[in-house]
Amino acid sequence: MPPSHISEQNSSGQLFHLPIRARMLAVKEAAAYLGLSLRRLRLLSMLGTGPERGHMPNGKPAYRREDLENYLVHLYGKADISSTEMARRRAEYANQRNASLEHLQTDPKATLPPPDPFMMMATNGEVCQHMVFFILKVMAIFGFILLCISPTPLLRTHFN
């Protein structure tokens, strides 16, 4: 049989490997997938940290599974936990996680399972670090506004 023009291999049938668009998870589904509370995932997003966020075709925020997995690897690596231990921990909660994801896909108003204590602890450092930076920015802006609108003695001496 002559080689196929696509694969350059002899075969009786051709298998086409088309790129499959990654399934996007809604915010609530992503929180269940990561083992975080919905509030924590929204806080991470607001502070500009956490997994990379995209949007669904309807404009709602969503997360790709690959980005969530990369974020998990980052957190476990930061905690100096081996990939073997990470795989063991993820497999331990896989059934619960998959069941809650299926339940959320059928009923979007369903409640999330309790958050994974490790994930809450692992994201605590990021929240604290980015929260301090956020508070410092707010304080600097507030101080600048106060400086501009307050009648200080320095301003009186220059403008009188």
N, C-alpha and C. Protein backbone atom coordinates (compact mmCIF):
# COMPACT_ATOMS: atom_id res chain seq x y z
N MET A 1 0.85 -1.18 0.00
CA MET A 1 0.00 0.00 0.00
C MET A 1 0.89 1.24 0.00
N PRO A 2 0.58 2.26 -0.78
CA PRO A 2 1.41 3.45 -0.82
C PRO A 2 1.28 4.25 0.48
N PRO A 3 2.34 5.02 0.80
CA PRO A 3 2.27 5.80 2.03
C PRO A 3 1.21 6.89 1.94
N SER A 4 0.64 7.18 3.07
CA SER A 4 -0.37 8.23 3.15
C SER A 4 0.30 9.59 2.93
N HIS A 5 -0.39 10.48 2.29
CA HIS A 5 0.19 11.81 2.04
C HIS A 5 0.26 12.67 3.30
N ILE A 6 -0.41 12.26 4.34
CA ILE A 6 -0.39 13.04 5.58
C ILE A 6 0.66 12.52 6.54
N SER A 7 0.70 11.25 6.76
CA SER A 7 1.60 10.72 7.78
C SER A 7 2.86 10.10 7.22
N GLU A 8 2.91 9.89 5.90
CA GLU A 8 4.04 9.24 5.27
C GLU A 8 4.27 7.84 5.83
N GLN A 9 3.24 7.19 6.30
CA GLN A 9 3.35 5.84 6.83
C GLN A 9 2.39 4.95 6.07
N ASN A 10 2.75 3.68 5.97
CA ASN A 10 1.85 2.72 5.35
C ASN A 10 0.79 2.34 6.38
N SER A 11 -0.44 2.52 6.02
CA SER A 11 -1.51 2.13 6.93
C SER A 11 -2.78 1.90 6.13
N SER A 12 -3.63 1.07 6.67
CA SER A 12 -4.88 0.80 5.98
C SER A 12 -5.92 1.86 6.32
N GLY A 13 -5.77 2.51 7.45
CA GLY A 13 -6.69 3.55 7.86
C GLY A 13 -5.91 4.75 8.37
N GLN A 14 -6.44 5.90 8.23
CA GLN A 14 -5.74 7.11 8.67
C GLN A 14 -6.44 7.66 9.91
N LEU A 15 -5.64 7.91 10.92
CA LEU A 15 -6.17 8.50 12.13
C LEU A 15 -5.73 9.95 12.17
N PHE A 16 -6.68 10.84 12.20
CA PHE A 16 -6.36 12.27 12.24
C PHE A 16 -6.36 12.74 13.68
N HIS A 17 -5.32 13.41 14.07
CA HIS A 17 -5.24 13.99 15.40
C HIS A 17 -5.48 15.48 15.29
N LEU A 18 -6.69 15.88 15.57
CA LEU A 18 -7.04 17.28 15.51
C LEU A 18 -6.89 17.91 16.88
N PRO A 19 -6.47 19.15 16.94
CA PRO A 19 -6.37 19.78 18.25
C PRO A 19 -7.76 19.95 18.86
N ILE A 20 -7.89 19.53 20.07
CA ILE A 20 -9.16 19.65 20.77
C ILE A 20 -9.09 20.86 21.67
N ARG A 21 -10.09 21.68 21.59
CA ARG A 21 -10.12 22.87 22.42
C ARG A 21 -10.26 22.47 23.89
N ALA A 22 -9.42 23.05 24.71
CA ALA A 22 -9.43 22.70 26.13
C ALA A 22 -10.76 23.09 26.76
N ARG A 23 -11.27 22.23 27.58
CA ARG A 23 -12.52 22.50 28.27
C ARG A 23 -12.28 23.56 29.33
N MET A 24 -13.07 24.59 29.28
CA MET A 24 -12.98 25.66 30.27
C MET A 24 -13.89 25.32 31.45
N LEU A 25 -13.39 25.60 32.63
CA LEU A 25 -14.17 25.39 33.84
C LEU A 25 -14.63 26.73 34.38
N ALA A 26 -15.89 26.80 34.76
CA ALA A 26 -16.40 28.01 35.40
C ALA A 26 -15.68 28.21 36.73
N VAL A 27 -15.84 29.38 37.32
CA VAL A 27 -15.11 29.72 38.55
C VAL A 27 -15.44 28.72 39.66
N LYS A 28 -16.70 28.38 39.80
CA LYS A 28 -17.11 27.45 40.85
C LYS A 28 -16.52 26.06 40.61
N GLU A 29 -16.52 25.63 39.35
CA GLU A 29 -15.94 24.33 39.01
C GLU A 29 -14.43 24.33 39.24
N ALA A 30 -13.77 25.44 38.91
CA ALA A 30 -12.33 25.55 39.11
C ALA A 30 -11.99 25.50 40.60
N ALA A 31 -12.81 26.12 41.43
CA ALA A 31 -12.58 26.07 42.88
C ALA A 31 -12.68 24.64 43.38
N ALA A 32 -13.67 23.90 42.89
CA ALA A 32 -13.82 22.49 43.29
C ALA A 32 -12.65 21.67 42.77
N TYR A 33 -12.20 21.94 41.56
CA TYR A 33 -11.09 21.21 40.97
C TYR A 33 -9.80 21.41 41.77
N LEU A 34 -9.57 22.65 42.20
CA LEU A 34 -8.36 22.95 42.97
C LEU A 34 -8.46 22.55 44.44
N GLY A 35 -9.68 22.43 44.93
CA GLY A 35 -9.85 22.14 46.35
C GLY A 35 -9.83 23.40 47.18
N LEU A 36 -10.22 24.52 46.58
CA LEU A 36 -10.27 25.80 47.28
C LEU A 36 -11.72 26.20 47.49
N SER A 37 -11.91 27.14 48.40
CA SER A 37 -13.24 27.70 48.55
C SER A 37 -13.44 28.72 47.42
N LEU A 38 -14.67 28.97 47.07
CA LEU A 38 -14.98 29.92 46.00
C LEU A 38 -14.48 31.31 46.38
N ARG A 39 -14.61 31.65 47.62
CA ARG A 39 -14.15 32.96 48.11
C ARG A 39 -12.64 33.11 47.94
N ARG A 40 -11.87 32.05 48.24
CA ARG A 40 -10.41 32.12 48.13
C ARG A 40 -9.99 32.27 46.67
N LEU A 41 -10.64 31.54 45.76
CA LEU A 41 -10.29 31.64 44.35
C LEU A 41 -10.60 33.03 43.81
N ARG A 42 -11.73 33.59 44.22
CA ARG A 42 -12.07 34.96 43.79
C ARG A 42 -11.10 35.98 44.37
N LEU A 43 -10.67 35.78 45.61
CA LEU A 43 -9.70 36.68 46.23
C LEU A 43 -8.37 36.62 45.50
N LEU A 44 -7.91 35.41 45.16
CA LEU A 44 -6.68 35.26 44.40
C LEU A 44 -6.77 35.98 43.06
N SER A 45 -7.90 35.84 42.41
CA SER A 45 -8.09 36.49 41.11
C SER A 45 -8.10 38.01 41.26
N MET A 46 -8.77 38.51 42.30
CA MET A 46 -8.84 39.95 42.53
C MET A 46 -7.45 40.53 42.80
N LEU A 47 -6.61 39.79 43.51
CA LEU A 47 -5.28 40.26 43.85
C LEU A 47 -4.29 40.08 42.70
N GLY A 48 -4.71 39.44 41.62
CA GLY A 48 -3.85 39.27 40.46
C GLY A 48 -2.89 38.11 40.58
N THR A 49 -3.23 37.13 41.36
CA THR A 49 -2.40 35.94 41.52
C THR A 49 -3.28 34.71 41.31
N GLY A 50 -2.74 33.55 41.56
CA GLY A 50 -3.51 32.33 41.36
C GLY A 50 -3.36 31.83 39.94
N PRO A 51 -4.21 30.88 39.55
CA PRO A 51 -4.10 30.33 38.20
C PRO A 51 -4.50 31.37 37.15
N GLU A 52 -3.95 31.18 35.96
CA GLU A 52 -4.26 32.09 34.86
C GLU A 52 -5.74 31.97 34.51
N ARG A 53 -6.38 33.11 34.36
CA ARG A 53 -7.82 33.12 34.12
C ARG A 53 -8.11 33.55 32.69
N GLY A 54 -9.08 32.91 32.09
CA GLY A 54 -9.52 33.27 30.74
C GLY A 54 -11.00 33.58 30.78
N HIS A 55 -11.61 33.53 29.63
CA HIS A 55 -13.05 33.83 29.55
C HIS A 55 -13.73 32.83 28.63
N MET A 56 -14.96 32.52 28.96
CA MET A 56 -15.79 31.67 28.11
C MET A 56 -16.28 32.51 26.94
N PRO A 57 -16.82 31.87 25.92
CA PRO A 57 -17.34 32.65 24.78
C PRO A 57 -18.42 33.66 25.19
N ASN A 58 -19.15 33.39 26.26
CA ASN A 58 -20.19 34.33 26.71
C ASN A 58 -19.62 35.47 27.57
N GLY A 59 -18.30 35.49 27.78
CA GLY A 59 -17.66 36.58 28.51
C GLY A 59 -17.45 36.33 29.99
N LYS A 60 -17.99 35.24 30.52
CA LYS A 60 -17.81 34.94 31.93
C LYS A 60 -16.40 34.42 32.19
N PRO A 61 -15.84 34.72 33.37
CA PRO A 61 -14.49 34.22 33.66
C PRO A 61 -14.48 32.69 33.76
N ALA A 62 -13.37 32.12 33.32
CA ALA A 62 -13.23 30.66 33.35
C ALA A 62 -11.75 30.31 33.41
N TYR A 63 -11.48 29.05 33.70
CA TYR A 63 -10.11 28.56 33.83
C TYR A 63 -9.93 27.32 32.97
N ARG A 64 -8.78 27.21 32.31
CA ARG A 64 -8.45 25.98 31.57
C ARG A 64 -7.87 24.97 32.55
N ARG A 65 -8.14 23.71 32.32
CA ARG A 65 -7.62 22.64 33.19
C ARG A 65 -6.09 22.66 33.23
N GLU A 66 -5.46 22.91 32.09
CA GLU A 66 -4.00 22.94 32.04
C GLU A 66 -3.43 24.03 32.94
N ASP A 67 -4.09 25.19 32.95
CA ASP A 67 -3.63 26.28 33.81
C ASP A 67 -3.81 25.92 35.29
N LEU A 68 -4.90 25.23 35.60
CA LEU A 68 -5.13 24.80 36.98
C LEU A 68 -4.07 23.78 37.40
N GLU A 69 -3.75 22.85 36.50
CA GLU A 69 -2.71 21.85 36.81
C GLU A 69 -1.35 22.52 36.98
N ASN A 70 -1.03 23.48 36.13
CA ASN A 70 0.24 24.21 36.27
C ASN A 70 0.31 24.94 37.60
N TYR A 71 -0.81 25.50 38.02
CA TYR A 71 -0.86 26.20 39.31
C TYR A 71 -0.65 25.22 40.47
N LEU A 72 -1.27 24.04 40.36
CA LEU A 72 -1.08 23.02 41.39
C LEU A 72 0.39 22.60 41.48
N VAL A 73 1.00 22.37 40.33
CA VAL A 73 2.42 21.99 40.31
C VAL A 73 3.27 23.09 40.94
N HIS A 74 2.93 24.34 40.64
CA HIS A 74 3.64 25.47 41.23
C HIS A 74 3.52 25.48 42.76
N LEU A 75 2.31 25.28 43.27
CA LEU A 75 2.10 25.29 44.72
C LEU A 75 2.81 24.13 45.40
N TYR A 76 2.72 22.95 44.83
CA TYR A 76 3.38 21.79 45.42
C TYR A 76 4.89 21.95 45.36
N GLY A 77 5.40 22.53 44.27
CA GLY A 77 6.83 22.77 44.16
C GLY A 77 7.30 23.81 45.17
N LYS A 78 6.49 24.82 45.40
CA LYS A 78 6.81 25.86 46.38
C LYS A 78 6.86 25.28 47.80
N ALA A 79 6.01 24.28 48.04
CA ALA A 79 5.99 23.63 49.35
C ALA A 79 7.03 22.52 49.45
N ASP A 80 7.82 22.35 48.37
CA ASP A 80 8.87 21.34 48.30
C ASP A 80 8.32 19.92 48.49
N ILE A 81 7.20 19.68 47.82
CA ILE A 81 6.57 18.36 47.85
C ILE A 81 6.83 17.71 46.49
N SER A 82 7.28 16.48 46.50
CA SER A 82 7.64 15.79 45.26
C SER A 82 6.43 15.56 44.37
N SER A 83 6.71 15.33 43.11
CA SER A 83 5.62 15.07 42.16
C SER A 83 4.93 13.74 42.47
N THR A 84 5.67 12.80 43.04
CA THR A 84 5.07 11.52 43.43
C THR A 84 4.05 11.73 44.54
N GLU A 85 4.42 12.52 45.54
CA GLU A 85 3.50 12.81 46.64
C GLU A 85 2.32 13.62 46.15
N MET A 86 2.57 14.54 45.23
CA MET A 86 1.47 15.33 44.66
C MET A 86 0.49 14.42 43.95
N ALA A 87 0.99 13.49 43.14
CA ALA A 87 0.13 12.56 42.42
C ALA A 87 -0.66 11.69 43.40
N ARG A 88 -0.02 11.26 44.49
CA ARG A 88 -0.71 10.46 45.49
C ARG A 88 -1.84 11.24 46.15
N ARG A 89 -1.56 12.49 46.53
CA ARG A 89 -2.58 13.32 47.17
C ARG A 89 -3.73 13.62 46.22
N ARG A 90 -3.40 13.92 44.95
CA ARG A 90 -4.44 14.23 43.97
C ARG A 90 -5.30 13.00 43.70
N ALA A 91 -4.68 11.82 43.66
CA ALA A 91 -5.42 10.58 43.42
C ALA A 91 -6.33 10.26 44.61
N GLU A 92 -5.88 10.62 45.80
CA GLU A 92 -6.66 10.35 47.02
C GLU A 92 -7.99 11.10 46.98
N TYR A 93 -7.98 12.32 46.45
CA TYR A 93 -9.19 13.13 46.41
C TYR A 93 -9.86 13.13 45.04
N ALA A 94 -9.36 12.33 44.09
CA ALA A 94 -9.86 12.36 42.71
C ALA A 94 -11.34 12.01 42.63
N ASN A 95 -11.76 10.97 43.32
CA ASN A 95 -13.17 10.57 43.25
C ASN A 95 -14.09 11.66 43.78
N GLN A 96 -13.74 12.24 44.91
CA GLN A 96 -14.55 13.30 45.49
C GLN A 96 -14.57 14.51 44.57
N ARG A 97 -13.42 14.86 44.02
CA ARG A 97 -13.31 16.02 43.13
C ARG A 97 -14.14 15.81 41.86
N ASN A 98 -14.00 14.64 41.24
CA ASN A 98 -14.75 14.36 40.01
C ASN A 98 -16.25 14.31 40.26
N ALA A 99 -16.67 13.75 41.39
CA ALA A 99 -18.10 13.70 41.71
C ALA A 99 -18.65 15.11 41.91
N SER A 100 -17.89 15.97 42.59
CA SER A 100 -18.38 17.33 42.81
C SER A 100 -18.40 18.12 41.50
N LEU A 101 -17.43 17.86 40.60
CA LEU A 101 -17.44 18.54 39.30
C LEU A 101 -18.65 18.12 38.47
N GLU A 102 -18.95 16.83 38.46
CA GLU A 102 -20.13 16.35 37.73
C GLU A 102 -21.40 16.94 38.31
N HIS A 103 -21.46 17.01 39.64
CA HIS A 103 -22.64 17.56 40.30
C HIS A 103 -22.79 19.05 39.97
N LEU A 104 -21.68 19.79 39.93
CA LEU A 104 -21.73 21.21 39.60
C LEU A 104 -22.13 21.44 38.15
N GLN A 105 -21.75 20.54 37.26
CA GLN A 105 -22.10 20.70 35.86
C GLN A 105 -23.59 20.46 35.63
N THR A 106 -24.18 19.59 36.42
CA THR A 106 -25.61 19.34 36.27
C THR A 106 -26.44 20.34 37.06
N ASP A 107 -25.92 20.79 38.21
CA ASP A 107 -26.64 21.75 39.05
C ASP A 107 -25.69 22.87 39.46
N PRO A 108 -25.65 23.99 38.72
CA PRO A 108 -24.70 25.07 39.03
C PRO A 108 -24.90 25.71 40.41
N LYS A 109 -26.06 25.51 41.01
CA LYS A 109 -26.31 26.10 42.34
C LYS A 109 -25.89 25.17 43.48
N ALA A 110 -25.30 24.05 43.15
CA ALA A 110 -24.86 23.08 44.17
C ALA A 110 -23.75 23.68 45.01
N THR A 111 -23.64 23.20 46.23
CA THR A 111 -22.59 23.70 47.12
C THR A 111 -21.28 22.98 46.83
N LEU A 112 -20.20 23.67 47.12
CA LEU A 112 -18.87 23.10 46.92
C LEU A 112 -18.52 22.16 48.06
N PRO A 113 -17.67 21.17 47.80
CA PRO A 113 -17.20 20.32 48.90
C PRO A 113 -16.29 21.14 49.81
N PRO A 114 -16.03 20.65 51.02
CA PRO A 114 -15.14 21.41 51.90
C PRO A 114 -13.76 21.57 51.26
N PRO A 115 -13.12 22.73 51.47
CA PRO A 115 -11.82 22.96 50.83
C PRO A 115 -10.73 22.05 51.38
N ASP A 116 -9.75 21.77 50.54
CA ASP A 116 -8.59 20.97 50.92
C ASP A 116 -7.71 21.82 51.85
N PRO A 117 -7.43 21.35 53.05
CA PRO A 117 -6.63 22.16 53.99
C PRO A 117 -5.25 22.52 53.45
N PHE A 118 -4.64 21.59 52.69
CA PHE A 118 -3.32 21.91 52.12
C PHE A 118 -3.42 23.07 51.14
N MET A 119 -4.43 23.05 50.28
CA MET A 119 -4.57 24.11 49.29
C MET A 119 -4.86 25.46 49.94
N MET A 120 -5.65 25.45 50.99
CA MET A 120 -5.93 26.71 51.69
C MET A 120 -4.65 27.24 52.32
N MET A 121 -3.86 26.35 52.91
CA MET A 121 -2.61 26.76 53.53
C MET A 121 -1.59 27.19 52.48
N ALA A 122 -1.53 26.49 51.36
CA ALA A 122 -0.56 26.80 50.31
C ALA A 122 -0.85 28.14 49.65
N THR A 123 -2.11 28.50 49.55
CA THR A 123 -2.45 29.79 48.94
C THR A 123 -2.42 30.93 49.94
N ASN A 124 -2.31 30.61 51.21
CA ASN A 124 -2.28 31.64 52.26
C ASN A 124 -1.12 32.60 52.06
N GLY A 125 0.05 32.08 51.72
CA GLY A 125 1.23 32.92 51.53
C GLY A 125 1.03 33.90 50.39
N GLU A 126 0.45 33.41 49.28
CA GLU A 126 0.19 34.29 48.14
C GLU A 126 -0.80 35.38 48.51
N VAL A 127 -1.84 35.01 49.22
CA VAL A 127 -2.85 35.99 49.61
C VAL A 127 -2.22 37.06 50.49
N CYS A 128 -1.45 36.64 51.49
CA CYS A 128 -0.81 37.61 52.39
C CYS A 128 0.15 38.52 51.65
N GLN A 129 0.99 37.95 50.81
CA GLN A 129 1.97 38.73 50.08
C GLN A 129 1.30 39.76 49.17
N HIS A 130 0.32 39.34 48.40
CA HIS A 130 -0.34 40.25 47.48
C HIS A 130 -1.28 41.21 48.19
N MET A 131 -1.83 40.79 49.33
CA MET A 131 -2.71 41.67 50.09
C MET A 131 -1.90 42.83 50.67
N VAL A 132 -0.70 42.55 51.18
CA VAL A 132 0.15 43.61 51.72
C VAL A 132 0.48 44.62 50.62
N PHE A 133 0.84 44.14 49.44
CA PHE A 133 1.16 45.01 48.32
C PHE A 133 -0.07 45.84 47.94
N PHE A 134 -1.24 45.21 47.91
CA PHE A 134 -2.49 45.90 47.57
C PHE A 134 -2.80 46.99 48.59
N ILE A 135 -2.65 46.67 49.88
CA ILE A 135 -2.93 47.64 50.93
C ILE A 135 -1.95 48.81 50.87
N LEU A 136 -0.68 48.52 50.58
CA LEU A 136 0.30 49.60 50.45
C LEU A 136 -0.04 50.52 49.28
N LYS A 137 -0.49 49.98 48.19
CA LYS A 137 -0.90 50.81 47.06
C LYS A 137 -2.09 51.69 47.43
N VAL A 138 -3.07 51.11 48.11
CA VAL A 138 -4.25 51.88 48.51
C VAL A 138 -3.84 52.99 49.48
N MET A 139 -2.96 52.66 50.42
CA MET A 139 -2.51 53.68 51.38
C MET A 139 -1.74 54.80 50.68
N ALA A 140 -0.91 54.47 49.70
CA ALA A 140 -0.17 55.49 48.98
C ALA A 140 -1.11 56.40 48.20
N ILE A 141 -2.10 55.83 47.55
CA ILE A 141 -3.07 56.64 46.80
C ILE A 141 -3.87 57.52 47.74
N PHE A 142 -4.32 56.94 48.86
CA PHE A 142 -5.09 57.70 49.84
C PHE A 142 -4.24 58.84 50.42
N GLY A 143 -2.98 58.55 50.72
CA GLY A 143 -2.09 59.60 51.25
C GLY A 143 -1.85 60.70 50.24
N PHE A 144 -1.71 60.36 48.97
CA PHE A 144 -1.52 61.37 47.94
C PHE A 144 -2.76 62.24 47.81
N ILE A 145 -3.94 61.62 47.87
CA ILE A 145 -5.18 62.39 47.78
C ILE A 145 -5.30 63.33 48.98
N LEU A 146 -4.99 62.83 50.16
CA LEU A 146 -5.04 63.69 51.35
C LEU A 146 -4.05 64.85 51.25
N LEU A 147 -2.89 64.58 50.73
CA LEU A 147 -1.88 65.62 50.57
C LEU A 147 -2.36 66.68 49.60
N CYS A 148 -3.04 66.26 48.55
CA CYS A 148 -3.51 67.22 47.55
C CYS A 148 -4.67 68.07 48.04
N ILE A 149 -5.55 67.53 48.86
CA ILE A 149 -6.73 68.29 49.26
C ILE A 149 -6.60 68.94 50.64
N SER A 150 -5.57 68.62 51.38
CA SER A 150 -5.48 69.19 52.72
C SER A 150 -4.75 70.54 52.69
N PRO A 151 -5.23 71.49 53.49
CA PRO A 151 -4.56 72.80 53.55
C PRO A 151 -3.40 72.74 54.55
N THR A 152 -2.27 72.25 54.14
CA THR A 152 -1.12 72.13 55.03
C THR A 152 -0.40 73.48 55.15
N PRO A 153 0.37 73.68 56.22
CA PRO A 153 1.12 74.95 56.35
C PRO A 153 2.08 75.17 55.20
N LEU A 154 2.62 74.11 54.65
CA LEU A 154 3.54 74.24 53.52
C LEU A 154 2.82 74.84 52.31
N LEU A 155 1.57 74.39 52.08
CA LEU A 155 0.81 74.94 50.97
C LEU A 155 0.45 76.40 51.21
N ARG A 156 0.13 76.75 52.46
CA ARG A 156 -0.24 78.13 52.79
C ARG A 156 0.93 79.08 52.54
N THR A 157 2.15 78.66 52.86
CA THR A 157 3.30 79.54 52.67
C THR A 157 3.61 79.76 51.20
N HIS A 158 3.33 78.79 50.37
CA HIS A 158 3.62 78.95 48.94
C HIS A 158 2.55 79.68 48.18
N PHE A 159 1.31 79.59 48.61
CA PHE A 159 0.22 80.19 47.85
C PHE A 159 -0.36 81.45 48.49
N ASN A 160 0.20 81.95 49.57
CA ASN A 160 -0.28 83.21 50.19
C ASN A 160 0.56 84.36 49.80
